[in-house]
Amino acid sequence: MKKIKRFLIAIDGPSASGKSTAAKKISKRYNMSLLQSGLLFRYAAKILLAKKPKNKIIFLNKAFKKINLKKIEKINLHTPEISKFSAVIAKELKIRLIIKKFQKKYVSLKKKVVLEGRDQAKIFPNSEVKFYIVCSPLSIAAKRRWMQLKKKRKKVSLKEVLKDLKKRDYMDKNRRHSKLERHQESEYINTAKMNIDDVINRMSKVIDRKLNEKYGN
């Protein structure tokens, strides 16, 4: 990857599909930067809840000009309150544009980036590789998420997790701006019957093929 000047991998999909884990592993395997849009929305939600600014657009514009991703990654942004509010603000076009502006700037600086979220292929249509990752049926995704929460000693029922995932998927697929949907060029992967190694191997084959086609690696 050292000789390659620019290479983008867009990974989209619904909650609990395994896309975040896959994005982290792919970024490490190919020595690329990782940018998770969900993390940015969660951070926006956290600081809005904490500061309660009169004008949230002006406030977020200033905040995202001096954002430090390494510091953000160390903050706990996965509380129920932040999760619910981040889903709410994700509907707002002006907030989406602030985060999109940051993403564009980040990519222009880093050049080789794994982009993970729900609409990355739309924001970066010229990404060399695009994936759409799901875990279907949703009951399997819910069980996986429930097991993760249990390991973190968070008391929540499987029924509640399934209900929350259904609600989030509905919101993402029916919001007015940047709906969750598969890009026509995205490689579709259903992780329901796959372990993480299977997922990474399949993704790597697609990435290696594209690298070979474009750069002869």
C-alpha atoms as a PDB file:
ATOM      1  CA  MET A   1       0.000   0.000   0.000  1.00  0.00           C
ATOM      2  CA  LYS A   2       2.999   2.334   0.359  1.00  0.00           C
ATOM      3  CA  LYS A   3       3.196   3.082  -3.369  1.00  0.00           C
ATOM      4  CA  ILE A   4      -0.558   3.714  -3.624  1.00  0.00           C
ATOM      5  CA  LYS A   5      -1.479   7.378  -3.338  1.00  0.00           C
ATOM      6  CA  ARG A   6      -5.238   6.988  -2.865  1.00  0.00           C
ATOM      7  CA  PHE A   7      -7.505   4.067  -2.031  1.00  0.00           C
ATOM      8  CA  LEU A   8     -10.906   4.181  -0.358  1.00  0.00           C
ATOM      9  CA  ILE A   9     -12.969   1.285   0.977  1.00  0.00           C
ATOM     10  CA  ALA A  10     -16.595   2.104   1.842  1.00  0.00           C
ATOM     11  CA  ILE A  11     -18.349  -0.296   4.213  1.00  0.00           C
ATOM     12  CA  ASP A  12     -22.073   0.231   4.785  1.00  0.00           C
ATOM     13  CA  GLY A  13     -24.781  -1.751   6.513  1.00  0.00           C
ATOM     14  CA  PRO A  14     -27.293  -1.853   9.358  1.00  0.00           C
ATOM     15  CA  SER A  15     -26.610  -2.150  13.088  1.00  0.00           C
ATOM     16  CA  ALA A  16     -25.093  -5.363  14.489  1.00  0.00           C
ATOM     17  CA  SER A  17     -24.154  -6.654  11.044  1.00  0.00           C
ATOM     18  CA  GLY A  18     -20.490  -6.983  11.960  1.00  0.00           C
ATOM     19  CA  LYS A  19     -19.378  -4.130   9.719  1.00  0.00           C
ATOM     20  CA  SER A  20     -17.580  -2.203  12.480  1.00  0.00           C
ATOM     21  CA  THR A  21     -15.466  -5.206  13.478  1.00  0.00           C
ATOM     22  CA  ALA A  22     -14.750  -5.934   9.822  1.00  0.00           C
ATOM     23  CA  ALA A  23     -13.771  -2.312   9.153  1.00  0.00           C
ATOM     24  CA  LYS A  24     -11.289  -2.316  12.040  1.00  0.00           C
ATOM     25  CA  LYS A  25      -9.668  -5.562  10.915  1.00  0.00           C
ATOM     26  CA  ILE A  26      -9.514  -4.531   7.252  1.00  0.00           C
ATOM     27  CA  SER A  27      -7.911  -1.175   8.142  1.00  0.00           C
ATOM     28  CA  LYS A  28      -5.225  -3.001  10.139  1.00  0.00           C
ATOM     29  CA  ARG A  29      -4.642  -5.645   7.483  1.00  0.00           C
ATOM     30  CA  TYR A  30      -4.056  -3.047   4.775  1.00  0.00           C
ATOM     31  CA  ASN A  31      -2.466  -0.421   7.025  1.00  0.00           C
ATOM     32  CA  MET A  32      -5.146   2.154   6.237  1.00  0.00           C
ATOM     33  CA  SER A  33      -6.766   4.876   8.323  1.00  0.00           C
ATOM     34  CA  LEU A  34     -10.212   4.116   9.729  1.00  0.00           C
ATOM     35  CA  LEU A  35     -13.081   6.596   9.828  1.00  0.00           C
ATOM     36  CA  GLN A  36     -16.369   5.491  11.391  1.00  0.00           C
ATOM     37  CA  SER A  37     -19.257   7.873  10.758  1.00  0.00           C
ATOM     38  CA  GLY A  38     -21.242   6.377  13.634  1.00  0.00           C
ATOM     39  CA  LEU A  39     -18.521   7.473  16.028  1.00  0.00           C
ATOM     40  CA  LEU A  40     -18.786  11.037  14.711  1.00  0.00           C
ATOM     41  CA  PHE A  41     -22.562  11.144  15.157  1.00  0.00           C
ATOM     42  CA  ARG A  42     -22.230   9.678  18.646  1.00  0.00           C
ATOM     43  CA  TYR A  43     -19.636  12.299  19.560  1.00  0.00           C
ATOM     44  CA  ALA A  44     -21.911  15.032  18.212  1.00  0.00           C
ATOM     45  CA  ALA A  45     -24.758  13.612  20.285  1.00  0.00           C
ATOM     46  CA  LYS A  46     -22.603  13.477  23.430  1.00  0.00           C
ATOM     47  CA  ILE A  47     -21.409  17.075  23.281  1.00  0.00           C
ATOM     48  CA  LEU A  48     -24.886  18.372  22.395  1.00  0.00           C
ATOM     49  CA  LEU A  49     -26.379  16.529  25.368  1.00  0.00           C
ATOM     50  CA  ALA A  50     -23.605  17.793  27.648  1.00  0.00           C
ATOM     51  CA  LYS A  51     -23.461  21.439  26.546  1.00  0.00           C
ATOM     52  CA  LYS A  52     -27.066  22.019  25.394  1.00  0.00           C
ATOM     53  CA  PRO A  53     -26.083  24.926  23.082  1.00  0.00           C
ATOM     54  CA  LYS A  54     -28.654  27.484  21.939  1.00  0.00           C
ATOM     55  CA  ASN A  55     -27.571  27.012  18.332  1.00  0.00           C
ATOM     56  CA  LYS A  56     -26.421  23.429  17.810  1.00  0.00           C
ATOM     57  CA  ILE A  57     -25.308  24.003  14.191  1.00  0.00           C
ATOM     58  CA  ILE A  58     -22.915  26.842  15.074  1.00  0.00           C
ATOM     59  CA  PHE A  59     -21.736  24.827  18.083  1.00  0.00           C
ATOM     60  CA  LEU A  60     -21.043  21.664  16.059  1.00  0.00           C
ATOM     61  CA  ASN A  61     -19.335  23.615  13.273  1.00  0.00           C
ATOM     62  CA  LYS A  62     -16.834  24.951  15.796  1.00  0.00           C
ATOM     63  CA  ALA A  63     -16.437  21.611  17.559  1.00  0.00           C
ATOM     64  CA  PHE A  64     -15.689  19.681  14.366  1.00  0.00           C
ATOM     65  CA  LYS A  65     -13.001  22.141  13.294  1.00  0.00           C
ATOM     66  CA  LYS A  66     -10.829  21.066  16.226  1.00  0.00           C
ATOM     67  CA  ILE A  67     -11.877  17.445  16.584  1.00  0.00           C
ATOM     68  CA  ASN A  68      -9.319  14.846  17.749  1.00  0.00           C
ATOM     69  CA  LEU A  69     -10.244  11.341  16.623  1.00  0.00           C
ATOM     70  CA  LYS A  70      -7.763   9.589  18.893  1.00  0.00           C
ATOM     71  CA  LYS A  71      -9.289  11.260  21.945  1.00  0.00           C
ATOM     72  CA  ILE A  72     -12.831  10.509  20.758  1.00  0.00           C
ATOM     73  CA  GLU A  73     -12.031   6.818  20.364  1.00  0.00           C
ATOM     74  CA  LYS A  74     -11.193   6.643  24.083  1.00  0.00           C
ATOM     75  CA  ILE A  75     -14.528   8.141  25.180  1.00  0.00           C
ATOM     76  CA  ASN A  76     -17.484   5.906  26.055  1.00  0.00           C
ATOM     77  CA  LEU A  77     -19.984   6.842  23.368  1.00  0.00           C
ATOM     78  CA  HIS A  78     -22.159   3.740  23.603  1.00  0.00           C
ATOM     79  CA  THR A  79     -24.580   4.689  26.367  1.00  0.00           C
ATOM     80  CA  PRO A  80     -28.334   4.189  25.711  1.00  0.00           C
ATOM     81  CA  GLU A  81     -28.888   7.971  25.879  1.00  0.00           C
ATOM     82  CA  ILE A  82     -26.193   8.719  23.283  1.00  0.00           C
ATOM     83  CA  SER A  83     -27.376   5.868  21.043  1.00  0.00           C
ATOM     84  CA  LYS A  84     -30.948   7.181  20.979  1.00  0.00           C
ATOM     85  CA  PHE A  85     -29.964  10.815  20.460  1.00  0.00           C
ATOM     86  CA  SER A  86     -27.406  10.061  17.746  1.00  0.00           C
ATOM     87  CA  ALA A  87     -30.160   8.295  15.773  1.00  0.00           C
ATOM     88  CA  VAL A  88     -32.305  11.428  16.140  1.00  0.00           C
ATOM     89  CA  ILE A  89     -29.683  13.939  15.005  1.00  0.00           C
ATOM     90  CA  ALA A  90     -28.679  11.671  12.115  1.00  0.00           C
ATOM     91  CA  LYS A  91     -31.954  12.708  10.481  1.00  0.00           C
ATOM     92  CA  GLU A  92     -30.965  16.379  10.399  1.00  0.00           C
ATOM     93  CA  LEU A  93     -29.471  17.476   7.087  1.00  0.00           C
ATOM     94  CA  LYS A  94     -27.450  20.388   8.509  1.00  0.00           C
ATOM     95  CA  ILE A  95     -25.767  18.106  11.041  1.00  0.00           C
ATOM     96  CA  ARG A  96     -25.111  15.489   8.366  1.00  0.00           C
ATOM     97  CA  LEU A  97     -23.457  18.173   6.235  1.00  0.00           C
ATOM     98  CA  ILE A  98     -21.135  19.205   9.086  1.00  0.00           C
ATOM     99  CA  ILE A  99     -20.006  15.610   9.551  1.00  0.00           C
ATOM    100  CA  LYS A 100     -19.752  15.049   5.805  1.00  0.00           C
ATOM    101  CA  LYS A 101     -17.501  18.117   5.508  1.00  0.00           C
ATOM    102  CA  PHE A 102     -15.226  16.687   8.198  1.00  0.00           C
ATOM    103  CA  GLN A 103     -15.133  13.300   6.465  1.00  0.00           C
ATOM    104  CA  LYS A 104     -14.188  14.869   3.125  1.00  0.00           C
ATOM    105  CA  LYS A 105     -11.382  16.849   4.741  1.00  0.00           C
ATOM    106  CA  TYR A 106     -10.115  13.753   6.574  1.00  0.00           C
ATOM    107  CA  VAL A 107     -10.038  11.701   3.371  1.00  0.00           C
ATOM    108  CA  SER A 108      -8.255  14.480   1.462  1.00  0.00           C
ATOM    109  CA  LEU A 109      -5.506  14.397   4.108  1.00  0.00           C
ATOM    110  CA  LYS A 110      -5.198  10.652   4.736  1.00  0.00           C
ATOM    111  CA  LYS A 111      -5.817   9.399   1.160  1.00  0.00           C
ATOM    112  CA  LYS A 112      -6.018   5.687   2.105  1.00  0.00           C
ATOM    113  CA  VAL A 113      -9.081   5.232   4.274  1.00  0.00           C
ATOM    114  CA  VAL A 114     -11.573   2.572   5.327  1.00  0.00           C
ATOM    115  CA  LEU A 115     -14.919   4.356   5.685  1.00  0.00           C
ATOM    116  CA  GLU A 116     -17.568   2.647   7.797  1.00  0.00           C
ATOM    117  CA  GLY A 117     -21.172   3.683   8.334  1.00  0.00           C
ATOM    118  CA  ARG A 118     -24.540   3.645   6.641  1.00  0.00           C
ATOM    119  CA  ASP A 119     -24.087   5.893   3.612  1.00  0.00           C
ATOM    120  CA  GLN A 120     -20.358   5.979   2.915  1.00  0.00           C
ATOM    121  CA  ALA A 121     -20.711   4.716  -0.657  1.00  0.00           C
ATOM    122  CA  LYS A 122     -23.040   7.659  -1.326  1.00  0.00           C
ATOM    123  CA  ILE A 123     -20.723  10.214   0.243  1.00  0.00           C
ATOM    124  CA  PHE A 124     -17.701   8.695  -1.494  1.00  0.00           C
ATOM    125  CA  PRO A 125     -19.079   7.237  -4.763  1.00  0.00           C
ATOM    126  CA  ASN A 126     -15.548   7.051  -6.192  1.00  0.00           C
ATOM    127  CA  SER A 127     -14.404   4.607  -3.512  1.00  0.00           C
ATOM    128  CA  GLU A 128     -12.356   1.876  -5.147  1.00  0.00           C
ATOM    129  CA  VAL A 129     -14.190  -0.830  -3.177  1.00  0.00           C
ATOM    130  CA  LYS A 130     -17.676  -0.807  -1.682  1.00  0.00           C
ATOM    131  CA  PHE A 131     -19.286  -3.321   0.658  1.00  0.00           C
ATOM    132  CA  TYR A 132     -22.818  -3.666   2.003  1.00  0.00           C
ATOM    133  CA  ILE A 133     -22.755  -5.917   5.064  1.00  0.00           C
ATOM    134  CA  VAL A 134     -25.859  -7.348   6.708  1.00  0.00           C
ATOM    135  CA  CYS A 135     -26.717 -10.033   9.246  1.00  0.00           C
ATOM    136  CA  SER A 136     -30.009 -11.573   8.194  1.00  0.00           C
ATOM    137  CA  PRO A 137     -32.266 -12.753   9.751  1.00  0.00           C
ATOM    138  CA  LEU A 138     -32.204  -9.959  12.327  1.00  0.00           C
ATOM    139  CA  SER A 139     -32.700 -12.460  15.154  1.00  0.00           C
ATOM    140  CA  ILE A 140     -29.094 -13.627  14.657  1.00  0.00           C
ATOM    141  CA  ALA A 141     -27.801 -10.043  14.712  1.00  0.00           C
ATOM    142  CA  ALA A 142     -29.786  -9.397  17.898  1.00  0.00           C
ATOM    143  CA  LYS A 143     -28.362 -12.478  19.598  1.00  0.00           C
ATOM    144  CA  ARG A 144     -24.805 -11.452  18.688  1.00  0.00           C
ATOM    145  CA  ARG A 145     -25.346  -7.928  20.024  1.00  0.00           C
ATOM    146  CA  TRP A 146     -26.972  -9.329  23.180  1.00  0.00           C
ATOM    147  CA  MET A 147     -23.967 -11.588  23.802  1.00  0.00           C
ATOM    148  CA  GLN A 148     -21.628  -8.613  23.386  1.00  0.00           C
ATOM    149  CA  LEU A 149     -23.620  -6.618  25.919  1.00  0.00           C
ATOM    150  CA  LYS A 150     -23.616  -9.529  28.361  1.00  0.00           C
ATOM    151  CA  LYS A 151     -19.812  -9.692  28.190  1.00  0.00           C
ATOM    152  CA  LYS A 152     -19.774  -6.014  29.146  1.00  0.00           C
ATOM    153  CA  ARG A 153     -22.104  -6.896  32.042  1.00  0.00           C
ATOM    154  CA  LYS A 154     -24.905  -4.757  30.687  1.00  0.00           C
ATOM    155  CA  LYS A 155     -28.301  -5.996  31.802  1.00  0.00           C
ATOM    156  CA  VAL A 156     -30.649  -6.083  28.826  1.00  0.00           C
ATOM    157  CA  SER A 157     -32.957  -8.771  27.474  1.00  0.00           C
ATOM    158  CA  LEU A 158     -32.637 -10.353  24.047  1.00  0.00           C
ATOM    159  CA  LYS A 159     -36.166  -9.156  23.322  1.00  0.00           C
ATOM    160  CA  GLU A 160     -35.169  -5.546  24.065  1.00  0.00           C
ATOM    161  CA  VAL A 161     -32.087  -5.786  21.832  1.00  0.00           C
ATOM    162  CA  LEU A 162     -34.157  -7.151  18.944  1.00  0.00           C
ATOM    163  CA  LYS A 163     -36.734  -4.403  19.406  1.00  0.00           C
ATOM    164  CA  ASP A 164     -34.034  -1.693  19.411  1.00  0.00           C
ATOM    165  CA  LEU A 165     -32.388  -3.095  16.257  1.00  0.00           C
ATOM    166  CA  LYS A 166     -35.720  -3.209  14.423  1.00  0.00           C
ATOM    167  CA  LYS A 167     -36.428   0.381  15.426  1.00  0.00           C
ATOM    168  CA  ARG A 168     -32.971   1.624  14.373  1.00  0.00           C
ATOM    169  CA  ASP A 169     -33.130  -0.193  11.030  1.00  0.00           C
ATOM    170  CA  TYR A 170     -36.555   1.283  10.334  1.00  0.00           C
ATOM    171  CA  MET A 171     -35.322   4.786  11.156  1.00  0.00           C
ATOM    172  CA  ASP A 172     -32.212   4.411   9.001  1.00  0.00           C
ATOM    173  CA  LYS A 173     -34.081   2.991   6.008  1.00  0.00           C
ATOM    174  CA  ASN A 174     -36.886   5.552   6.132  1.00  0.00           C
ATOM    175  CA  ARG A 175     -35.163   8.799   7.056  1.00  0.00           C
ATOM    176  CA  ARG A 176     -35.452  11.662   4.605  1.00  0.00           C
ATOM    177  CA  HIS A 177     -31.725  12.196   4.047  1.00  0.00           C
ATOM    178  CA  SER A 178     -29.153   9.503   3.179  1.00  0.00           C
ATOM    179  CA  LYS A 179     -31.335   6.459   3.697  1.00  0.00           C
ATOM    180  CA  LEU A 180     -29.674   3.162   4.501  1.00  0.00           C
ATOM    181  CA  GLU A 181     -29.647   1.252   1.231  1.00  0.00           C
ATOM    182  CA  ARG A 182     -27.237  -0.790  -0.796  1.00  0.00           C
ATOM    183  CA  HIS A 183     -25.190   1.065  -3.413  1.00  0.00           C
ATOM    184  CA  GLN A 184     -25.451  -0.579  -6.824  1.00  0.00           C
ATOM    185  CA  GLU A 185     -21.691  -1.180  -6.890  1.00  0.00           C
ATOM    186  CA  SER A 186     -21.457  -2.622  -3.377  1.00  0.00           C
ATOM    187  CA  GLU A 187     -20.412  -6.188  -2.746  1.00  0.00           C
ATOM    188  CA  TYR A 188     -23.198  -7.779  -0.665  1.00  0.00           C
ATOM    189  CA  ILE A 189     -22.140  -9.899   2.318  1.00  0.00           C
ATOM    190  CA  ASN A 190     -24.510 -11.616   4.741  1.00  0.00           C
ATOM    191  CA  THR A 191     -22.526 -12.468   7.881  1.00  0.00           C
ATOM    192  CA  ALA A 192     -25.261 -14.582   9.532  1.00  0.00           C
ATOM    193  CA  LYS A 193     -23.547 -17.895   8.779  1.00  0.00           C
ATOM    194  CA  MET A 194     -19.976 -16.586   8.720  1.00  0.00           C
ATOM    195  CA  ASN A 195     -17.362 -16.038  11.400  1.00  0.00           C
ATOM    196  CA  ILE A 196     -15.192 -12.912  11.316  1.00  0.00           C
ATOM    197  CA  ASP A 197     -12.289 -14.699   9.614  1.00  0.00           C
ATOM    198  CA  ASP A 198     -14.604 -15.814   6.795  1.00  0.00           C
ATOM    199  CA  VAL A 199     -15.851 -12.245   6.385  1.00  0.00           C
ATOM    200  CA  ILE A 200     -12.342 -10.750   6.294  1.00  0.00           C
ATOM    201  CA  ASN A 201     -11.097 -13.364   3.826  1.00  0.00           C
ATOM    202  CA  ARG A 202     -13.999 -12.699   1.480  1.00  0.00           C
ATOM    203  CA  MET A 203     -13.533  -8.934   1.706  1.00  0.00           C
ATOM    204  CA  SER A 204      -9.794  -9.279   1.181  1.00  0.00           C
ATOM    205  CA  LYS A 205     -10.295 -11.191  -2.064  1.00  0.00           C
ATOM    206  CA  VAL A 206     -12.397  -8.326  -3.417  1.00  0.00           C
ATOM    207  CA  ILE A 207      -9.902  -5.700  -2.226  1.00  0.00           C
ATOM    208  CA  ASP A 208      -6.869  -7.591  -3.567  1.00  0.00           C
ATOM    209  CA  ARG A 209      -8.549  -7.997  -6.933  1.00  0.00           C
ATOM    210  CA  LYS A 210      -9.259  -4.274  -7.160  1.00  0.00           C
ATOM    211  CA  LEU A 211      -5.718  -3.396  -6.069  1.00  0.00           C
ATOM    212  CA  ASN A 212      -4.356  -5.675  -8.767  1.00  0.00           C
ATOM    213  CA  GLU A 213      -6.668  -4.234 -11.424  1.00  0.00           C
ATOM    214  CA  LYS A 214      -5.844  -0.626 -10.578  1.00  0.00           C
ATOM    215  CA  TYR A 215      -2.244  -0.744  -9.430  1.00  0.00           C
ATOM    216  CA  GLY A 216      -0.892  -4.095 -10.529  1.00  0.00           C
ATOM    217  CA  ASN A 217      -0.068  -5.133  -6.931  1.00  0.00           C
END
